């Protein structure tokens, strides 16, 4: 995937300056470190609170500038300690990683997860944005790509509950342990550059 992405970036004549991870992932290996090796202008970015390595470590309130645009870093811990949401200033959109998904949220039962912190941070730092704000999650298992603050405030089946109810829901999801966590997590603490088992590609 990294080779594919680097080839596409170069073929389009783009100047990639940042590869941003919204948190240290447990279910796949980031390509950010490898991208920085292939594209010298690129720097990897990660929240310092996540405990991983990157060229640039950010914290709440930091601004990431690119061209005429600015991303405001908002720490939204709860899924992991190092989760961040990136608000694109003046454009009415934000990138929520795994903290807030479409009609869902990131699980909180491993890797420093804390349901109470997630509830508070999502409400204070994401759902406090204007209702019309477009929210782009890190992924969606149903193929959806975007939601809004208004939709999630009204329709999210977990976050429309009280904090007590939310914590109970998150404590009883019964999800299986991530299959690749024992390989992915140590590698992602090293920006994806840790030696991987043979045949394990990113």
C-alpha atoms as a PDB file:
ATOM      1  CA  UNK A   1       0.000   0.000   0.000  1.00  0.00           C
ATOM      2  CA  UNK A   2       2.826   2.414   0.801  1.00  0.00           C
ATOM      3  CA  UNK A   3       4.458   1.780  -2.574  1.00  0.00           C
ATOM      4  CA  UNK A   4       1.102   2.342  -4.281  1.00  0.00           C
ATOM      5  CA  UNK A   5       0.474   5.577  -2.381  1.00  0.00           C
ATOM      6  CA  UNK A   6       3.968   6.930  -2.981  1.00  0.00           C
ATOM      7  CA  UNK A   7       3.674   6.198  -6.699  1.00  0.00           C
ATOM      8  CA  UNK A   8       0.304   7.983  -6.863  1.00  0.00           C
ATOM      9  CA  UNK A   9       1.617  11.019  -4.961  1.00  0.00           C
ATOM     10  CA  UNK A  10       4.616  11.302  -7.275  1.00  0.00           C
ATOM     11  CA  UNK A  11       2.599  10.778 -10.448  1.00  0.00           C
ATOM     12  CA  UNK A  12       0.259  13.623  -9.460  1.00  0.00           C
ATOM     13  CA  UNK A  13       3.168  15.927  -8.659  1.00  0.00           C
ATOM     14  CA  UNK A  14       1.998  16.436  -5.071  1.00  0.00           C
ATOM     15  CA  UNK A  15       4.250  17.572  -2.247  1.00  0.00           C
ATOM     16  CA  UNK A  16       3.313  15.389   0.715  1.00  0.00           C
ATOM     17  CA  UNK A  17       4.450  17.099   3.917  1.00  0.00           C
ATOM     18  CA  UNK A  18       2.591  15.179   6.645  1.00  0.00           C
ATOM     19  CA  UNK A  19       1.366  11.643   7.258  1.00  0.00           C
ATOM     20  CA  UNK A  20      -0.829  11.945  10.341  1.00  0.00           C
ATOM     21  CA  UNK A  21      -1.895   9.083  12.577  1.00  0.00           C
ATOM     22  CA  UNK A  22      -4.940   9.816  14.718  1.00  0.00           C
ATOM     23  CA  UNK A  23      -3.690   7.246  17.268  1.00  0.00           C
ATOM     24  CA  UNK A  24      -1.418   4.227  17.665  1.00  0.00           C
ATOM     25  CA  UNK A  25      -3.399   1.524  15.859  1.00  0.00           C
ATOM     26  CA  UNK A  26      -3.923  -2.033  17.065  1.00  0.00           C
ATOM     27  CA  UNK A  27      -5.484  -3.697  14.019  1.00  0.00           C
ATOM     28  CA  UNK A  28      -3.140  -2.742  11.194  1.00  0.00           C
ATOM     29  CA  UNK A  29       0.353  -1.317  10.694  1.00  0.00           C
ATOM     30  CA  UNK A  30       0.780   2.317   9.773  1.00  0.00           C
ATOM     31  CA  UNK A  31       2.625   3.203   6.597  1.00  0.00           C
ATOM     32  CA  UNK A  32       3.646   6.666   7.831  1.00  0.00           C
ATOM     33  CA  UNK A  33       7.220   5.762   8.736  1.00  0.00           C
ATOM     34  CA  UNK A  34       7.808   4.026   5.433  1.00  0.00           C
ATOM     35  CA  UNK A  35       6.298   6.986   3.559  1.00  0.00           C
ATOM     36  CA  UNK A  36       8.804   9.341   5.190  1.00  0.00           C
ATOM     37  CA  UNK A  37      11.595   7.140   3.841  1.00  0.00           C
ATOM     38  CA  UNK A  38      10.190   7.168   0.322  1.00  0.00           C
ATOM     39  CA  UNK A  39       9.153  10.837   0.275  1.00  0.00           C
ATOM     40  CA  UNK A  40      11.792  13.015   2.004  1.00  0.00           C
ATOM     41  CA  UNK A  41       9.467  16.030   2.304  1.00  0.00           C
ATOM     42  CA  UNK A  42       7.029  14.026   4.427  1.00  0.00           C
ATOM     43  CA  UNK A  43       7.013  13.982   8.246  1.00  0.00           C
ATOM     44  CA  UNK A  44       5.001  11.531  10.330  1.00  0.00           C
ATOM     45  CA  UNK A  45       2.728  13.006  13.019  1.00  0.00           C
ATOM     46  CA  UNK A  46       1.329  11.440  16.188  1.00  0.00           C
ATOM     47  CA  UNK A  47       0.022  12.631  19.550  1.00  0.00           C
ATOM     48  CA  UNK A  48       2.746  12.590  22.186  1.00  0.00           C
ATOM     49  CA  UNK A  49       0.250  11.126  24.659  1.00  0.00           C
ATOM     50  CA  UNK A  50       0.130   7.931  22.598  1.00  0.00           C
ATOM     51  CA  UNK A  51       3.620   6.906  23.601  1.00  0.00           C
ATOM     52  CA  UNK A  52       4.773   6.165  20.072  1.00  0.00           C
ATOM     53  CA  UNK A  53       7.490   7.576  17.840  1.00  0.00           C
ATOM     54  CA  UNK A  54       6.990  10.052  14.995  1.00  0.00           C
ATOM     55  CA  UNK A  55       8.865  12.939  13.389  1.00  0.00           C
ATOM     56  CA  UNK A  56       6.388  15.387  14.961  1.00  0.00           C
ATOM     57  CA  UNK A  57       4.586  14.812  18.268  1.00  0.00           C
ATOM     58  CA  UNK A  58       1.523  16.982  18.832  1.00  0.00           C
ATOM     59  CA  UNK A  59      -0.716  17.915  21.756  1.00  0.00           C
ATOM     60  CA  UNK A  60      -4.074  19.547  22.368  1.00  0.00           C
ATOM     61  CA  UNK A  61      -4.308  22.975  20.746  1.00  0.00           C
ATOM     62  CA  UNK A  62      -1.396  22.541  18.343  1.00  0.00           C
ATOM     63  CA  UNK A  63      -1.872  23.770  14.779  1.00  0.00           C
ATOM     64  CA  UNK A  64      -0.686  21.823  11.741  1.00  0.00           C
ATOM     65  CA  UNK A  65      -0.316  24.150   8.770  1.00  0.00           C
ATOM     66  CA  UNK A  66      -0.283  23.113   5.115  1.00  0.00           C
ATOM     67  CA  UNK A  67      -0.696  25.554   2.250  1.00  0.00           C
ATOM     68  CA  UNK A  68      -3.470  27.992   3.175  1.00  0.00           C
ATOM     69  CA  UNK A  69      -5.065  25.545   5.620  1.00  0.00           C
ATOM     70  CA  UNK A  70      -4.769  24.808   9.330  1.00  0.00           C
ATOM     71  CA  UNK A  71      -5.634  21.680  11.289  1.00  0.00           C
ATOM     72  CA  UNK A  72      -6.342  22.197  14.974  1.00  0.00           C
ATOM     73  CA  UNK A  73      -5.356  19.237  17.150  1.00  0.00           C
ATOM     74  CA  UNK A  74      -7.932  18.220  19.752  1.00  0.00           C
ATOM     75  CA  UNK A  75      -7.001  15.396  22.109  1.00  0.00           C
ATOM     76  CA  UNK A  76      -9.941  12.983  22.247  1.00  0.00           C
ATOM     77  CA  UNK A  77      -8.584  10.154  24.398  1.00  0.00           C
ATOM     78  CA  UNK A  78     -10.783   7.236  25.369  1.00  0.00           C
ATOM     79  CA  UNK A  79     -10.375   4.688  22.579  1.00  0.00           C
ATOM     80  CA  UNK A  80      -6.646   5.032  23.331  1.00  0.00           C
ATOM     81  CA  UNK A  81      -4.656   7.567  25.367  1.00  0.00           C
ATOM     82  CA  UNK A  82      -3.306   9.165  22.208  1.00  0.00           C
ATOM     83  CA  UNK A  83      -6.421   9.690  20.085  1.00  0.00           C
ATOM     84  CA  UNK A  84      -6.714  13.046  18.349  1.00  0.00           C
ATOM     85  CA  UNK A  85      -9.378  14.741  16.270  1.00  0.00           C
ATOM     86  CA  UNK A  86      -8.245  17.202  13.604  1.00  0.00           C
ATOM     87  CA  UNK A  87     -10.472  20.212  12.958  1.00  0.00           C
ATOM     88  CA  UNK A  88      -9.928  21.885   9.584  1.00  0.00           C
ATOM     89  CA  UNK A  89     -10.299  25.528  10.566  1.00  0.00           C
ATOM     90  CA  UNK A  90     -12.693  27.659   8.560  1.00  0.00           C
ATOM     91  CA  UNK A  91     -13.826  24.725   6.429  1.00  0.00           C
ATOM     92  CA  UNK A  92     -16.568  23.205   8.572  1.00  0.00           C
ATOM     93  CA  UNK A  93     -15.068  19.762   8.857  1.00  0.00           C
ATOM     94  CA  UNK A  94     -13.150  17.518  11.229  1.00  0.00           C
ATOM     95  CA  UNK A  95     -11.373  14.172  11.058  1.00  0.00           C
ATOM     96  CA  UNK A  96     -12.269  12.075  14.093  1.00  0.00           C
ATOM     97  CA  UNK A  97     -10.110   8.973  13.709  1.00  0.00           C
ATOM     98  CA  UNK A  98     -11.590   6.168  15.816  1.00  0.00           C
ATOM     99  CA  UNK A  99     -12.899   8.356  18.652  1.00  0.00           C
ATOM    100  CA  UNK A 100     -16.205   9.035  16.909  1.00  0.00           C
ATOM    101  CA  UNK A 101     -17.461   6.794  14.126  1.00  0.00           C
ATOM    102  CA  UNK A 102     -20.690   6.991  12.153  1.00  0.00           C
ATOM    103  CA  UNK A 103     -23.449   5.930  14.580  1.00  0.00           C
ATOM    104  CA  UNK A 104     -20.759   4.395  16.795  1.00  0.00           C
ATOM    105  CA  UNK A 105     -17.423   5.086  18.475  1.00  0.00           C
ATOM    106  CA  UNK A 106     -14.099   3.367  19.069  1.00  0.00           C
ATOM    107  CA  UNK A 107     -14.039   0.456  21.505  1.00  0.00           C
ATOM    108  CA  UNK A 108     -12.619   1.069  24.969  1.00  0.00           C
ATOM    109  CA  UNK A 109     -11.801  -2.414  26.251  1.00  0.00           C
ATOM    110  CA  UNK A 110      -8.039  -2.555  25.493  1.00  0.00           C
ATOM    111  CA  UNK A 111      -4.974  -0.374  24.852  1.00  0.00           C
ATOM    112  CA  UNK A 112      -5.596   2.266  27.572  1.00  0.00           C
ATOM    113  CA  UNK A 113      -9.289   2.466  26.675  1.00  0.00           C
ATOM    114  CA  UNK A 114     -11.530   4.435  29.020  1.00  0.00           C
ATOM    115  CA  UNK A 115     -15.235   4.792  28.265  1.00  0.00           C
ATOM    116  CA  UNK A 116     -15.752   7.716  30.644  1.00  0.00           C
ATOM    117  CA  UNK A 117     -12.930   9.705  29.045  1.00  0.00           C
ATOM    118  CA  UNK A 118     -14.186   8.916  25.556  1.00  0.00           C
ATOM    119  CA  UNK A 119     -17.707  10.105  26.373  1.00  0.00           C
ATOM    120  CA  UNK A 120     -16.459  13.362  27.881  1.00  0.00           C
ATOM    121  CA  UNK A 121     -13.971  14.102  25.106  1.00  0.00           C
ATOM    122  CA  UNK A 122     -16.357  13.355  22.248  1.00  0.00           C
ATOM    123  CA  UNK A 123     -19.024  15.611  23.745  1.00  0.00           C
ATOM    124  CA  UNK A 124     -16.642  18.425  24.729  1.00  0.00           C
ATOM    125  CA  UNK A 125     -14.320  18.449  21.738  1.00  0.00           C
ATOM    126  CA  UNK A 126     -16.246  17.034  18.766  1.00  0.00           C
ATOM    127  CA  UNK A 127     -19.986  17.333  19.324  1.00  0.00           C
ATOM    128  CA  UNK A 128     -19.449  20.877  20.600  1.00  0.00           C
ATOM    129  CA  UNK A 129     -18.585  21.939  17.047  1.00  0.00           C
ATOM    130  CA  UNK A 130     -21.349  23.594  14.974  1.00  0.00           C
ATOM    131  CA  UNK A 131     -24.127  21.157  14.069  1.00  0.00           C
ATOM    132  CA  UNK A 132     -23.372  21.466  10.349  1.00  0.00           C
ATOM    133  CA  UNK A 133     -19.732  20.372  10.771  1.00  0.00           C
ATOM    134  CA  UNK A 134     -18.849  17.447   8.518  1.00  0.00           C
ATOM    135  CA  UNK A 135     -17.196  14.602  10.421  1.00  0.00           C
ATOM    136  CA  UNK A 136     -14.933  12.132   8.638  1.00  0.00           C
ATOM    137  CA  UNK A 137     -14.150   9.037  10.737  1.00  0.00           C
ATOM    138  CA  UNK A 138     -11.067   6.882  10.329  1.00  0.00           C
ATOM    139  CA  UNK A 139     -13.139   4.066   8.845  1.00  0.00           C
ATOM    140  CA  UNK A 140     -16.607   2.615   8.558  1.00  0.00           C
ATOM    141  CA  UNK A 141     -17.533  -1.028   8.129  1.00  0.00           C
ATOM    142  CA  UNK A 142     -20.623  -0.194   6.048  1.00  0.00           C
ATOM    143  CA  UNK A 143     -18.889   1.946   3.422  1.00  0.00           C
ATOM    144  CA  UNK A 144     -20.086   5.303   4.734  1.00  0.00           C
ATOM    145  CA  UNK A 145     -17.583   8.150   4.678  1.00  0.00           C
ATOM    146  CA  UNK A 146     -19.122  11.212   6.336  1.00  0.00           C
ATOM    147  CA  UNK A 147     -21.609  12.281   8.976  1.00  0.00           C
ATOM    148  CA  UNK A 148     -22.367  15.556  10.759  1.00  0.00           C
ATOM    149  CA  UNK A 149     -22.312  16.777  14.336  1.00  0.00           C
ATOM    150  CA  UNK A 150     -26.094  17.149  14.199  1.00  0.00           C
ATOM    151  CA  UNK A 151     -26.620  13.577  12.991  1.00  0.00           C
ATOM    152  CA  UNK A 152     -24.431  12.064  15.699  1.00  0.00           C
ATOM    153  CA  UNK A 153     -26.008  14.156  18.463  1.00  0.00           C
ATOM    154  CA  UNK A 154     -29.429  12.872  17.397  1.00  0.00           C
ATOM    155  CA  UNK A 155     -28.780   9.404  16.020  1.00  0.00           C
ATOM    156  CA  UNK A 156     -25.663   7.861  17.579  1.00  0.00           C
ATOM    157  CA  UNK A 157     -27.075   4.914  19.574  1.00  0.00           C
ATOM    158  CA  UNK A 158     -24.265   5.036  22.120  1.00  0.00           C
ATOM    159  CA  UNK A 159     -23.508   8.717  22.578  1.00  0.00           C
ATOM    160  CA  UNK A 160     -27.131   9.818  22.864  1.00  0.00           C
ATOM    161  CA  UNK A 161     -27.256   7.925  26.163  1.00  0.00           C
ATOM    162  CA  UNK A 162     -26.236   9.230  29.582  1.00  0.00           C
ATOM    163  CA  UNK A 163     -22.621   8.686  30.592  1.00  0.00           C
ATOM    164  CA  UNK A 164     -23.627   5.858  32.947  1.00  0.00           C
ATOM    165  CA  UNK A 165     -25.563   4.095  30.178  1.00  0.00           C
ATOM    166  CA  UNK A 166     -22.726   4.687  27.710  1.00  0.00           C
ATOM    167  CA  UNK A 167     -20.151   3.125  30.039  1.00  0.00           C
ATOM    168  CA  UNK A 168     -22.402   0.101  30.536  1.00  0.00           C
ATOM    169  CA  UNK A 169     -22.793  -0.321  26.768  1.00  0.00           C
ATOM    170  CA  UNK A 170     -19.031  -0.061  26.185  1.00  0.00           C
ATOM    171  CA  UNK A 171     -18.254  -2.476  29.020  1.00  0.00           C
ATOM    172  CA  UNK A 172     -20.517  -5.115  27.498  1.00  0.00           C
ATOM    173  CA  UNK A 173     -19.792  -5.011  23.754  1.00  0.00           C
ATOM    174  CA  UNK A 174     -18.210  -8.466  23.871  1.00  0.00           C
ATOM    175  CA  UNK A 175     -15.887  -7.799  20.942  1.00  0.00           C
ATOM    176  CA  UNK A 176     -13.079 -10.249  20.108  1.00  0.00           C
ATOM    177  CA  UNK A 177      -9.455  -9.342  20.824  1.00  0.00           C
ATOM    178  CA  UNK A 178      -7.928  -7.695  17.699  1.00  0.00           C
ATOM    179  CA  UNK A 179      -6.260 -10.443  15.668  1.00  0.00           C
ATOM    180  CA  UNK A 180      -3.129  -8.497  14.737  1.00  0.00           C
ATOM    181  CA  UNK A 181      -2.603  -6.469  17.924  1.00  0.00           C
ATOM    182  CA  UNK A 182       0.462  -8.401  19.101  1.00  0.00           C
ATOM    183  CA  UNK A 183       2.263  -7.539  15.866  1.00  0.00           C
ATOM    184  CA  UNK A 184       0.659  -4.192  15.004  1.00  0.00           C
ATOM    185  CA  UNK A 185       0.916  -2.402  18.340  1.00  0.00           C
ATOM    186  CA  UNK A 186       4.690  -2.798  18.864  1.00  0.00           C
ATOM    187  CA  UNK A 187       5.306  -1.876  15.210  1.00  0.00           C
ATOM    188  CA  UNK A 188       3.107   1.208  15.400  1.00  0.00           C
ATOM    189  CA  UNK A 189       4.896   2.418  18.531  1.00  0.00           C
ATOM    190  CA  UNK A 190       7.899   2.628  16.175  1.00  0.00           C
ATOM    191  CA  UNK A 191       6.069   4.517  13.396  1.00  0.00           C
ATOM    192  CA  UNK A 192       5.501   1.234  11.558  1.00  0.00           C
ATOM    193  CA  UNK A 193       9.235   0.722  11.072  1.00  0.00           C
ATOM    194  CA  UNK A 194       9.788  -2.200  13.473  1.00  0.00           C
ATOM    195  CA  UNK A 195      10.930  -5.433  11.821  1.00  0.00           C
ATOM    196  CA  UNK A 196       7.868  -7.462  10.847  1.00  0.00           C
ATOM    197  CA  UNK A 197       7.331 -11.189  10.438  1.00  0.00           C
ATOM    198  CA  UNK A 198       8.058 -12.522   6.967  1.00  0.00           C
ATOM    199  CA  UNK A 199       5.156 -11.970   4.601  1.00  0.00           C
ATOM    200  CA  UNK A 200       3.589  -9.241   6.749  1.00  0.00           C
ATOM    201  CA  UNK A 201       3.388  -6.279   4.393  1.00  0.00           C
ATOM    202  CA  UNK A 202       2.141  -2.708   4.752  1.00  0.00           C
END
